C-alpha cells in the first residue's frame, strides 16, 4: 500500500506531466491554446483537486482499499487525458 505522501506525489507528478504535455503540444504546433487543449488542462486540474480531496478524507475506515481505489482512478483518468492529448489536431 502506498502511503498518503507517496500517493499525493504520484497525483502531482502524473497530472503535472499531462499538463506539461499539453503545453509542449501547443508549442510544437505553433498555435495559441485551443479550446480543446484548454479543456484538457481544466480537466486535469479538476481531477487533481478531486483526488487530493479524497486522499485527505479522514473519515475512511479501510484506508488501504481507499488509497488503492484512488490510485486506480488516477491511472484510469490519466490514461483518458493522455488519449485526449493524442487526439489533438
N, C-alpha and C. Protein backbone atom coordinates (compact mmCIF):
# COMPACT_ATOMS: atom_id res chain seq x y z
N UNK A 1 0.83 -1.18 0.00
CA UNK A 1 0.00 0.00 0.00
C UNK A 1 0.88 1.25 0.00
N UNK A 2 0.53 2.16 -0.84
CA UNK A 2 1.25 3.43 -0.86
C UNK A 2 0.79 4.28 0.32
N UNK A 3 1.74 5.02 0.86
CA UNK A 3 1.31 5.90 1.94
C UNK A 3 0.76 7.20 1.35
N UNK A 4 0.19 7.99 2.21
CA UNK A 4 -0.51 9.21 1.77
C UNK A 4 0.44 10.16 1.03
N UNK A 5 1.64 10.31 1.55
CA UNK A 5 2.61 11.23 0.95
C UNK A 5 2.97 10.78 -0.47
N UNK A 6 3.25 9.49 -0.65
CA UNK A 6 3.61 8.99 -1.97
C UNK A 6 2.45 9.09 -2.95
N UNK A 7 1.24 8.85 -2.47
CA UNK A 7 0.07 8.96 -3.33
C UNK A 7 -0.12 10.40 -3.79
N UNK A 8 0.07 11.36 -2.89
CA UNK A 8 -0.04 12.77 -3.27
C UNK A 8 1.02 13.13 -4.30
N UNK A 9 2.23 12.62 -4.13
CA UNK A 9 3.30 12.89 -5.10
C UNK A 9 2.96 12.30 -6.45
N UNK A 10 2.43 11.07 -6.47
CA UNK A 10 2.04 10.44 -7.73
C UNK A 10 0.98 11.25 -8.45
N UNK A 11 -0.01 11.71 -7.71
CA UNK A 11 -1.07 12.52 -8.31
C UNK A 11 -0.48 13.79 -8.91
N UNK A 12 0.39 14.44 -8.16
CA UNK A 12 1.01 15.68 -8.62
C UNK A 12 1.86 15.45 -9.87
N UNK A 13 2.68 14.41 -9.86
CA UNK A 13 3.57 14.15 -10.99
C UNK A 13 2.79 13.75 -12.24
N UNK A 14 1.84 12.85 -12.10
CA UNK A 14 1.09 12.38 -13.27
C UNK A 14 0.32 13.51 -13.92
N UNK A 15 -0.45 14.22 -13.14
CA UNK A 15 -1.27 15.29 -13.72
C UNK A 15 -0.42 16.48 -14.14
N UNK A 16 0.67 16.74 -13.45
CA UNK A 16 1.60 17.79 -13.88
C UNK A 16 2.24 17.46 -15.21
N UNK A 17 2.60 16.20 -15.41
CA UNK A 17 3.18 15.78 -16.69
C UNK A 17 2.16 15.88 -17.82
N UNK A 18 0.92 15.59 -17.52
CA UNK A 18 -0.13 15.70 -18.55
C UNK A 18 -0.32 17.15 -18.96
N UNK A 19 -0.34 18.05 -18.00
CA UNK A 19 -0.48 19.48 -18.32
C UNK A 19 0.74 19.95 -19.12
N UNK A 20 1.92 19.50 -18.72
CA UNK A 20 3.13 19.86 -19.46
C UNK A 20 3.08 19.34 -20.89
N UNK A 21 2.54 18.15 -21.09
CA UNK A 21 2.43 17.58 -22.44
C UNK A 21 1.51 18.42 -23.31
N UNK A 22 0.47 18.98 -22.73
CA UNK A 22 -0.43 19.86 -23.49
C UNK A 22 0.32 21.13 -23.91
N UNK A 23 1.10 21.69 -22.99
CA UNK A 23 1.88 22.89 -23.33
C UNK A 23 2.91 22.59 -24.41
N UNK A 24 3.54 21.44 -24.36
CA UNK A 24 4.50 21.05 -25.39
C UNK A 24 3.80 20.90 -26.73
N UNK A 25 2.61 20.32 -26.73
CA UNK A 25 1.85 20.18 -27.97
C UNK A 25 1.53 21.55 -28.55
N UNK A 26 1.14 22.49 -27.69
CA UNK A 26 0.82 23.83 -28.17
C UNK A 26 2.05 24.50 -28.77
N UNK A 27 3.21 24.34 -28.15
CA UNK A 27 4.43 24.94 -28.69
C UNK A 27 4.86 24.26 -29.99
N UNK A 28 4.73 22.96 -30.06
CA UNK A 28 5.14 22.22 -31.25
C UNK A 28 4.27 22.56 -32.45
N UNK A 29 3.05 22.91 -32.21
CA UNK A 29 2.13 23.21 -33.30
C UNK A 29 2.03 24.71 -33.58
N UNK A 30 2.85 25.49 -32.89
CA UNK A 30 2.92 26.94 -33.10
C UNK A 30 1.54 27.58 -33.10
N UNK A 31 0.73 27.12 -32.18
CA UNK A 31 -0.62 27.66 -32.08
C UNK A 31 -0.82 28.26 -30.70
N UNK A 32 -1.77 29.13 -30.63
CA UNK A 32 -2.22 29.59 -29.33
C UNK A 32 -3.04 28.47 -28.71
N UNK A 33 -3.26 28.52 -27.43
CA UNK A 33 -4.08 27.47 -26.81
C UNK A 33 -5.44 27.35 -27.50
N UNK A 34 -5.84 26.15 -27.78
CA UNK A 34 -7.14 25.91 -28.39
C UNK A 34 -8.14 25.58 -27.30
N UNK A 35 -9.40 25.58 -27.67
CA UNK A 35 -10.43 25.23 -26.70
C UNK A 35 -10.24 23.80 -26.22
N UNK A 36 -9.81 22.90 -27.11
CA UNK A 36 -9.63 21.50 -26.74
C UNK A 36 -8.47 21.35 -25.76
N UNK A 37 -7.36 22.03 -26.02
CA UNK A 37 -6.21 21.90 -25.12
C UNK A 37 -6.50 22.55 -23.76
N UNK A 38 -7.20 23.67 -23.77
CA UNK A 38 -7.57 24.30 -22.50
C UNK A 38 -8.53 23.41 -21.71
N UNK A 39 -9.41 22.70 -22.41
CA UNK A 39 -10.34 21.79 -21.74
C UNK A 39 -9.60 20.64 -21.07
N UNK A 40 -8.55 20.15 -21.72
CA UNK A 40 -7.75 19.06 -21.14
C UNK A 40 -7.05 19.55 -19.87
N UNK A 41 -6.49 20.75 -19.92
CA UNK A 41 -5.82 21.31 -18.75
C UNK A 41 -6.82 21.51 -17.61
N UNK A 42 -7.99 22.04 -17.94
CA UNK A 42 -9.02 22.25 -16.91
C UNK A 42 -9.46 20.92 -16.29
N UNK A 43 -9.59 19.89 -17.13
CA UNK A 43 -9.99 18.58 -16.62
C UNK A 43 -8.90 17.98 -15.73
N UNK A 44 -7.64 18.19 -16.10
CA UNK A 44 -6.54 17.69 -15.28
C UNK A 44 -6.52 18.38 -13.92
N UNK A 45 -6.76 19.67 -13.90
CA UNK A 45 -6.79 20.42 -12.64
C UNK A 45 -7.97 19.97 -11.78
N UNK A 46 -9.12 19.77 -12.39
CA UNK A 46 -10.29 19.30 -11.64
C UNK A 46 -10.05 17.90 -11.07
N UNK A 47 -9.41 17.05 -11.86
CA UNK A 47 -9.08 15.70 -11.40
C UNK A 47 -8.11 15.77 -10.22
N UNK A 48 -7.11 16.64 -10.32
CA UNK A 48 -6.16 16.83 -9.23
C UNK A 48 -6.89 17.22 -7.95
N UNK A 49 -7.75 18.22 -8.05
CA UNK A 49 -8.48 18.70 -6.87
C UNK A 49 -9.33 17.59 -6.26
N UNK A 50 -10.01 16.83 -7.12
CA UNK A 50 -10.87 15.76 -6.63
C UNK A 50 -10.07 14.67 -5.92
N UNK A 51 -8.96 14.24 -6.53
CA UNK A 51 -8.18 13.16 -5.95
C UNK A 51 -7.49 13.57 -4.65
N UNK A 52 -6.98 14.79 -4.60
CA UNK A 52 -6.34 15.27 -3.37
C UNK A 52 -7.38 15.37 -2.25
N UNK A 53 -8.57 15.81 -2.57
CA UNK A 53 -9.63 15.88 -1.55
C UNK A 53 -9.96 14.49 -1.03
N UNK A 54 -9.97 13.51 -1.92
CA UNK A 54 -10.25 12.13 -1.49
C UNK A 54 -9.11 11.57 -0.64
N UNK A 55 -7.87 11.92 -0.98
CA UNK A 55 -6.73 11.46 -0.18
C UNK A 55 -6.80 12.04 1.23
N UNK A 56 -7.21 13.28 1.34
CA UNK A 56 -7.25 13.97 2.64
C UNK A 56 -8.48 13.64 3.47
N UNK A 57 -9.38 12.83 2.93
CA UNK A 57 -10.59 12.45 3.67
C UNK A 57 -10.21 11.54 4.83
N UNK A 58 -10.44 11.99 6.04
CA UNK A 58 -10.05 11.24 7.23
C UNK A 58 -11.17 10.34 7.77
N UNK A 59 -12.32 10.38 7.17
CA UNK A 59 -13.45 9.60 7.68
C UNK A 59 -13.53 8.20 7.09
N UNK A 60 -12.47 7.77 6.42
CA UNK A 60 -12.44 6.47 5.77
C UNK A 60 -12.03 5.40 6.78
N UNK A 61 -12.74 4.27 6.77
CA UNK A 61 -12.41 3.21 7.70
C UNK A 61 -11.29 2.32 7.17
N UNK A 62 -11.40 1.87 5.92
CA UNK A 62 -10.39 0.98 5.33
C UNK A 62 -9.47 1.81 4.44
N UNK A 63 -8.40 2.33 5.02
CA UNK A 63 -7.51 3.23 4.28
C UNK A 63 -6.82 2.54 3.12
N UNK A 64 -6.45 1.29 3.29
CA UNK A 64 -5.75 0.57 2.23
C UNK A 64 -6.62 0.46 0.98
N UNK A 65 -7.85 0.07 1.13
CA UNK A 65 -8.77 -0.04 -0.01
C UNK A 65 -9.07 1.34 -0.59
N UNK A 66 -9.19 2.33 0.28
CA UNK A 66 -9.48 3.69 -0.17
C UNK A 66 -8.33 4.23 -1.04
N UNK A 67 -7.09 4.08 -0.57
CA UNK A 67 -5.95 4.56 -1.34
C UNK A 67 -5.77 3.77 -2.64
N UNK A 68 -6.07 2.49 -2.61
CA UNK A 68 -5.96 1.68 -3.82
C UNK A 68 -6.98 2.15 -4.86
N UNK A 69 -8.19 2.47 -4.41
CA UNK A 69 -9.22 2.98 -5.32
C UNK A 69 -8.80 4.32 -5.92
N UNK A 70 -8.20 5.17 -5.11
CA UNK A 70 -7.73 6.47 -5.61
C UNK A 70 -6.63 6.25 -6.64
N UNK A 71 -5.71 5.35 -6.37
CA UNK A 71 -4.63 5.05 -7.30
C UNK A 71 -5.19 4.51 -8.63
N UNK A 72 -6.20 3.65 -8.56
CA UNK A 72 -6.82 3.13 -9.78
C UNK A 72 -7.52 4.23 -10.56
N UNK A 73 -8.19 5.14 -9.85
CA UNK A 73 -8.84 6.27 -10.52
C UNK A 73 -7.81 7.18 -11.18
N UNK A 74 -6.70 7.40 -10.51
CA UNK A 74 -5.63 8.22 -11.09
C UNK A 74 -5.13 7.59 -12.38
N UNK A 75 -4.94 6.30 -12.36
CA UNK A 75 -4.45 5.61 -13.56
C UNK A 75 -5.46 5.70 -14.70
N UNK A 76 -6.72 5.45 -14.43
CA UNK A 76 -7.72 5.47 -15.50
C UNK A 76 -7.95 6.89 -16.03
N UNK A 77 -8.02 7.87 -15.15
CA UNK A 77 -8.23 9.25 -15.60
C UNK A 77 -7.00 9.78 -16.32
N UNK A 78 -5.81 9.36 -15.87
CA UNK A 78 -4.59 9.76 -16.56
C UNK A 78 -4.55 9.21 -17.98
N UNK A 79 -4.94 7.96 -18.14
CA UNK A 79 -4.97 7.36 -19.48
C UNK A 79 -5.98 8.08 -20.38
N UNK A 80 -7.13 8.43 -19.83
CA UNK A 80 -8.14 9.15 -20.61
C UNK A 80 -7.60 10.50 -21.08
N UNK A 81 -6.93 11.21 -20.18
CA UNK A 81 -6.38 12.52 -20.56
C UNK A 81 -5.27 12.38 -21.61
N UNK A 82 -4.46 11.35 -21.48
CA UNK A 82 -3.40 11.13 -22.48
C UNK A 82 -4.00 10.82 -23.84
N UNK A 83 -5.07 10.03 -23.87
CA UNK A 83 -5.75 9.75 -25.13
C UNK A 83 -6.28 11.03 -25.75
N UNK A 84 -6.82 11.93 -24.93
CA UNK A 84 -7.32 13.20 -25.44
C UNK A 84 -6.19 14.05 -26.01
N UNK A 85 -5.03 14.02 -25.37
CA UNK A 85 -3.88 14.76 -25.90
C UNK A 85 -3.47 14.19 -27.25
N UNK A 86 -3.46 12.88 -27.36
CA UNK A 86 -3.07 12.24 -28.62
C UNK A 86 -4.05 12.53 -29.74
N UNK A 87 -5.29 12.87 -29.43
CA UNK A 87 -6.29 13.17 -30.45
C UNK A 87 -6.31 14.63 -30.86
N UNK A 88 -5.53 15.47 -30.20
CA UNK A 88 -5.49 16.90 -30.57
C UNK A 88 -4.99 17.05 -32.00
N UNK A 89 -5.58 18.00 -32.71
CA UNK A 89 -5.19 18.23 -34.10
C UNK A 89 -4.50 19.55 -34.25
